[in-house]
N, C-alpha and C. Protein backbone atom coordinates (compact mmCIF):
# COMPACT_ATOMS: atom_id res chain seq x y z
N MET A 1 20.85 10.46 -63.89
CA MET A 1 21.07 9.11 -63.40
C MET A 1 19.72 8.44 -63.14
N LEU A 2 19.63 7.19 -63.47
CA LEU A 2 18.42 6.40 -63.30
C LEU A 2 18.14 6.16 -61.82
N LYS A 3 16.89 6.33 -61.42
CA LYS A 3 16.47 5.96 -60.07
C LYS A 3 15.94 4.53 -60.16
N PHE A 4 16.52 3.64 -59.36
CA PHE A 4 16.11 2.24 -59.36
C PHE A 4 15.47 1.92 -58.03
N TYR A 5 14.13 1.90 -58.04
CA TYR A 5 13.37 1.55 -56.83
C TYR A 5 13.36 0.03 -56.73
N TRP A 6 13.71 -0.47 -55.55
CA TRP A 6 13.73 -1.91 -55.40
C TRP A 6 13.47 -2.33 -53.97
N TYR A 7 13.19 -3.61 -53.81
CA TYR A 7 13.04 -4.23 -52.50
C TYR A 7 14.08 -5.34 -52.47
N ALA A 8 15.02 -5.26 -51.54
CA ALA A 8 16.16 -6.17 -51.52
C ALA A 8 15.77 -7.65 -51.41
N GLY A 9 14.61 -7.94 -50.86
CA GLY A 9 14.16 -9.33 -50.73
C GLY A 9 13.43 -9.87 -51.94
N CYS A 10 13.32 -9.09 -52.98
CA CYS A 10 12.56 -9.46 -54.17
C CYS A 10 13.48 -10.06 -55.24
N SER A 11 13.20 -11.28 -55.66
CA SER A 11 14.04 -11.93 -56.67
C SER A 11 13.97 -11.22 -58.02
N THR A 12 12.82 -10.69 -58.37
CA THR A 12 12.69 -9.95 -59.63
C THR A 12 13.53 -8.68 -59.59
N CYS A 13 13.53 -8.00 -58.45
CA CYS A 13 14.35 -6.80 -58.29
C CYS A 13 15.84 -7.13 -58.41
N LYS A 14 16.23 -8.25 -57.83
CA LYS A 14 17.64 -8.67 -57.90
C LYS A 14 18.05 -8.95 -59.35
N LYS A 15 17.15 -9.58 -60.11
CA LYS A 15 17.43 -9.86 -61.52
C LYS A 15 17.54 -8.56 -62.31
N ALA A 16 16.66 -7.61 -62.03
CA ALA A 16 16.70 -6.33 -62.73
C ALA A 16 17.99 -5.57 -62.40
N LYS A 17 18.40 -5.62 -61.14
CA LYS A 17 19.65 -4.96 -60.72
C LYS A 17 20.84 -5.58 -61.44
N LYS A 18 20.86 -6.89 -61.52
CA LYS A 18 21.94 -7.58 -62.23
C LYS A 18 21.97 -7.19 -63.71
N ALA A 19 20.79 -7.10 -64.31
CA ALA A 19 20.72 -6.72 -65.73
C ALA A 19 21.27 -5.30 -65.93
N LEU A 20 20.94 -4.39 -65.01
CA LEU A 20 21.48 -3.03 -65.10
C LEU A 20 23.01 -3.04 -64.94
N ASP A 21 23.50 -3.81 -63.98
CA ASP A 21 24.94 -3.92 -63.77
C ASP A 21 25.64 -4.49 -65.00
N ASP A 22 25.07 -5.57 -65.54
CA ASP A 22 25.65 -6.21 -66.73
C ASP A 22 25.68 -5.28 -67.93
N ALA A 23 24.68 -4.40 -68.02
CA ALA A 23 24.59 -3.46 -69.14
C ALA A 23 25.42 -2.20 -68.90
N GLY A 24 25.97 -2.07 -67.70
CA GLY A 24 26.79 -0.90 -67.38
C GLY A 24 25.98 0.37 -67.19
N VAL A 25 24.73 0.23 -66.80
CA VAL A 25 23.85 1.39 -66.60
C VAL A 25 24.13 1.99 -65.22
N ALA A 26 24.32 3.30 -65.19
CA ALA A 26 24.50 4.00 -63.91
C ALA A 26 23.13 4.22 -63.28
N TYR A 27 23.00 3.92 -62.00
CA TYR A 27 21.73 4.08 -61.31
C TYR A 27 21.96 4.32 -59.83
N LYS A 28 20.92 4.85 -59.21
CA LYS A 28 20.91 5.04 -57.77
C LYS A 28 19.84 4.12 -57.21
N THR A 29 20.21 3.23 -56.29
CA THR A 29 19.21 2.34 -55.71
C THR A 29 18.46 3.06 -54.60
N ILE A 30 17.16 2.83 -54.59
CA ILE A 30 16.28 3.42 -53.59
C ILE A 30 15.41 2.30 -53.03
N ASP A 31 15.49 2.08 -51.74
CA ASP A 31 14.67 1.04 -51.10
C ASP A 31 13.22 1.53 -51.10
N ILE A 32 12.40 0.82 -51.83
CA ILE A 32 11.01 1.25 -52.02
C ILE A 32 10.20 1.21 -50.72
N THR A 33 10.65 0.40 -49.75
CA THR A 33 9.93 0.34 -48.48
C THR A 33 10.26 1.54 -47.59
N GLU A 34 11.44 2.11 -47.79
CA GLU A 34 11.85 3.27 -47.00
C GLU A 34 11.51 4.59 -47.69
N THR A 35 11.64 4.60 -49.01
CA THR A 35 11.39 5.81 -49.79
C THR A 35 10.58 5.45 -51.03
N PRO A 36 9.27 5.31 -50.89
CA PRO A 36 8.45 4.97 -52.06
C PRO A 36 8.38 6.16 -53.03
N PRO A 37 8.16 5.88 -54.30
CA PRO A 37 8.00 6.98 -55.26
C PRO A 37 6.74 7.77 -54.94
N SER A 38 6.74 9.02 -55.34
CA SER A 38 5.58 9.87 -55.08
C SER A 38 4.42 9.49 -56.00
N LYS A 39 3.25 9.90 -55.59
CA LYS A 39 2.04 9.67 -56.39
C LYS A 39 2.20 10.31 -57.76
N SER A 40 2.78 11.50 -57.81
CA SER A 40 2.94 12.19 -59.10
C SER A 40 3.97 11.48 -59.99
N ASP A 41 5.04 10.94 -59.40
CA ASP A 41 6.01 10.19 -60.20
C ASP A 41 5.36 8.96 -60.82
N ILE A 42 4.61 8.22 -60.01
CA ILE A 42 3.95 7.01 -60.51
C ILE A 42 2.98 7.37 -61.63
N ALA A 43 2.23 8.45 -61.45
CA ALA A 43 1.27 8.88 -62.48
C ALA A 43 2.00 9.24 -63.78
N LYS A 44 3.16 9.89 -63.67
CA LYS A 44 3.95 10.24 -64.87
C LYS A 44 4.41 8.99 -65.61
N TRP A 45 4.86 7.98 -64.87
CA TRP A 45 5.33 6.74 -65.51
C TRP A 45 4.20 6.07 -66.27
N ILE A 46 3.03 6.07 -65.66
CA ILE A 46 1.87 5.43 -66.29
C ILE A 46 1.45 6.22 -67.53
N LYS A 47 1.39 7.54 -67.39
CA LYS A 47 0.98 8.39 -68.51
C LYS A 47 1.96 8.27 -69.68
N ALA A 48 3.24 8.12 -69.38
CA ALA A 48 4.25 8.00 -70.43
C ALA A 48 4.22 6.63 -71.10
N GLY A 49 3.45 5.71 -70.52
CA GLY A 49 3.33 4.39 -71.12
C GLY A 49 4.45 3.43 -70.74
N HIS A 50 5.23 3.79 -69.72
CA HIS A 50 6.32 2.92 -69.30
C HIS A 50 5.83 1.69 -68.55
N ILE A 51 4.68 1.82 -67.91
CA ILE A 51 4.18 0.72 -67.07
C ILE A 51 2.68 0.90 -66.87
N GLU A 52 1.99 -0.20 -66.63
CA GLU A 52 0.57 -0.15 -66.32
C GLU A 52 0.40 -0.15 -64.80
N LEU A 53 -0.62 0.51 -64.34
CA LEU A 53 -0.87 0.62 -62.91
C LEU A 53 -0.92 -0.74 -62.23
N LYS A 54 -1.59 -1.70 -62.84
CA LYS A 54 -1.75 -3.01 -62.22
C LYS A 54 -0.41 -3.73 -62.05
N GLN A 55 0.57 -3.40 -62.86
CA GLN A 55 1.88 -4.04 -62.76
C GLN A 55 2.64 -3.61 -61.51
N LEU A 56 2.23 -2.53 -60.90
CA LEU A 56 2.94 -2.02 -59.73
C LEU A 56 2.49 -2.68 -58.43
N PHE A 57 1.45 -3.46 -58.49
CA PHE A 57 0.97 -4.16 -57.30
C PHE A 57 1.56 -5.57 -57.25
N ASN A 58 2.08 -5.95 -56.09
CA ASN A 58 2.61 -7.29 -55.88
C ASN A 58 1.43 -8.23 -55.64
N SER A 59 0.95 -8.82 -56.71
CA SER A 59 -0.27 -9.62 -56.62
C SER A 59 -0.09 -10.92 -55.84
N SER A 60 1.13 -11.27 -55.50
CA SER A 60 1.34 -12.45 -54.67
C SER A 60 1.66 -12.09 -53.22
N GLY A 61 1.60 -10.80 -52.92
CA GLY A 61 1.92 -10.34 -51.57
C GLY A 61 0.74 -10.37 -50.62
N GLN A 62 1.05 -10.45 -49.34
CA GLN A 62 0.01 -10.49 -48.32
C GLN A 62 -0.78 -9.19 -48.26
N GLU A 63 -0.11 -8.07 -48.42
CA GLU A 63 -0.80 -6.77 -48.35
C GLU A 63 -1.83 -6.65 -49.47
N TYR A 64 -1.47 -7.11 -50.66
CA TYR A 64 -2.39 -7.10 -51.80
C TYR A 64 -3.65 -7.90 -51.47
N ARG A 65 -3.46 -9.07 -50.90
CA ARG A 65 -4.61 -9.91 -50.54
C ARG A 65 -5.44 -9.24 -49.44
N LYS A 66 -4.78 -8.61 -48.47
CA LYS A 66 -5.52 -7.93 -47.40
C LYS A 66 -6.36 -6.78 -47.95
N LEU A 67 -5.86 -6.14 -49.01
CA LEU A 67 -6.57 -5.00 -49.59
C LEU A 67 -7.69 -5.40 -50.55
N GLY A 68 -7.83 -6.69 -50.82
CA GLY A 68 -8.94 -7.14 -51.65
C GLY A 68 -8.55 -7.96 -52.85
N GLY A 69 -7.27 -8.19 -53.05
CA GLY A 69 -6.83 -9.02 -54.17
C GLY A 69 -7.23 -8.45 -55.52
N LYS A 70 -7.69 -9.32 -56.40
CA LYS A 70 -8.04 -8.92 -57.77
C LYS A 70 -9.10 -7.82 -57.80
N GLU A 71 -9.99 -7.83 -56.83
CA GLU A 71 -11.05 -6.82 -56.79
C GLU A 71 -10.49 -5.43 -56.48
N LEU A 72 -9.32 -5.36 -55.90
CA LEU A 72 -8.70 -4.09 -55.54
C LEU A 72 -8.65 -3.14 -56.73
N LEU A 73 -8.25 -3.66 -57.88
CA LEU A 73 -8.07 -2.83 -59.06
C LEU A 73 -9.38 -2.34 -59.68
N THR A 74 -10.47 -3.05 -59.40
CA THR A 74 -11.75 -2.64 -59.97
C THR A 74 -12.59 -1.82 -58.98
N LYS A 75 -12.32 -1.96 -57.69
CA LYS A 75 -13.11 -1.28 -56.66
C LYS A 75 -12.66 0.16 -56.41
N HIS A 76 -11.44 0.50 -56.84
CA HIS A 76 -10.89 1.81 -56.50
C HIS A 76 -10.55 2.60 -57.75
N SER A 77 -10.59 3.92 -57.60
CA SER A 77 -10.24 4.80 -58.72
C SER A 77 -8.72 4.80 -58.91
N GLU A 78 -8.28 5.30 -60.04
CA GLU A 78 -6.84 5.40 -60.30
C GLU A 78 -6.15 6.24 -59.23
N GLY A 79 -6.79 7.33 -58.84
CA GLY A 79 -6.22 8.20 -57.80
C GLY A 79 -6.06 7.47 -56.47
N GLU A 80 -7.05 6.66 -56.11
CA GLU A 80 -6.97 5.90 -54.87
C GLU A 80 -5.87 4.85 -54.94
N LEU A 81 -5.74 4.20 -56.09
CA LEU A 81 -4.70 3.19 -56.26
C LEU A 81 -3.31 3.82 -56.23
N LEU A 82 -3.17 4.99 -56.84
CA LEU A 82 -1.89 5.69 -56.79
C LEU A 82 -1.53 6.07 -55.36
N GLU A 83 -2.52 6.48 -54.62
CA GLU A 83 -2.31 6.85 -53.22
C GLU A 83 -1.84 5.63 -52.41
N MET A 84 -2.44 4.48 -52.67
CA MET A 84 -2.03 3.26 -51.97
C MET A 84 -0.58 2.92 -52.27
N LEU A 85 -0.19 3.06 -53.52
CA LEU A 85 1.18 2.74 -53.91
C LEU A 85 2.19 3.72 -53.32
N ALA A 86 1.81 4.99 -53.28
CA ALA A 86 2.73 6.02 -52.77
C ALA A 86 2.80 5.94 -51.26
């Protein structure tokens, strides 16, 4: 079964959930704020080419800006960025 990490207040997440429902895909919802994916899971997704590391950061969020905004991705190693996400 597909693990669907989401944030209930996110409009993009709501659209993705609707698309899964419309397609009849079975999934388990996981609130990303309560149960974030592990560092190793995120690394596997990136290595498999499913997603780019930078896509996992909410670039319009306050936390992203507090952490340095655009410079965040260039100032830190991949391991450090994975740790922040996890």
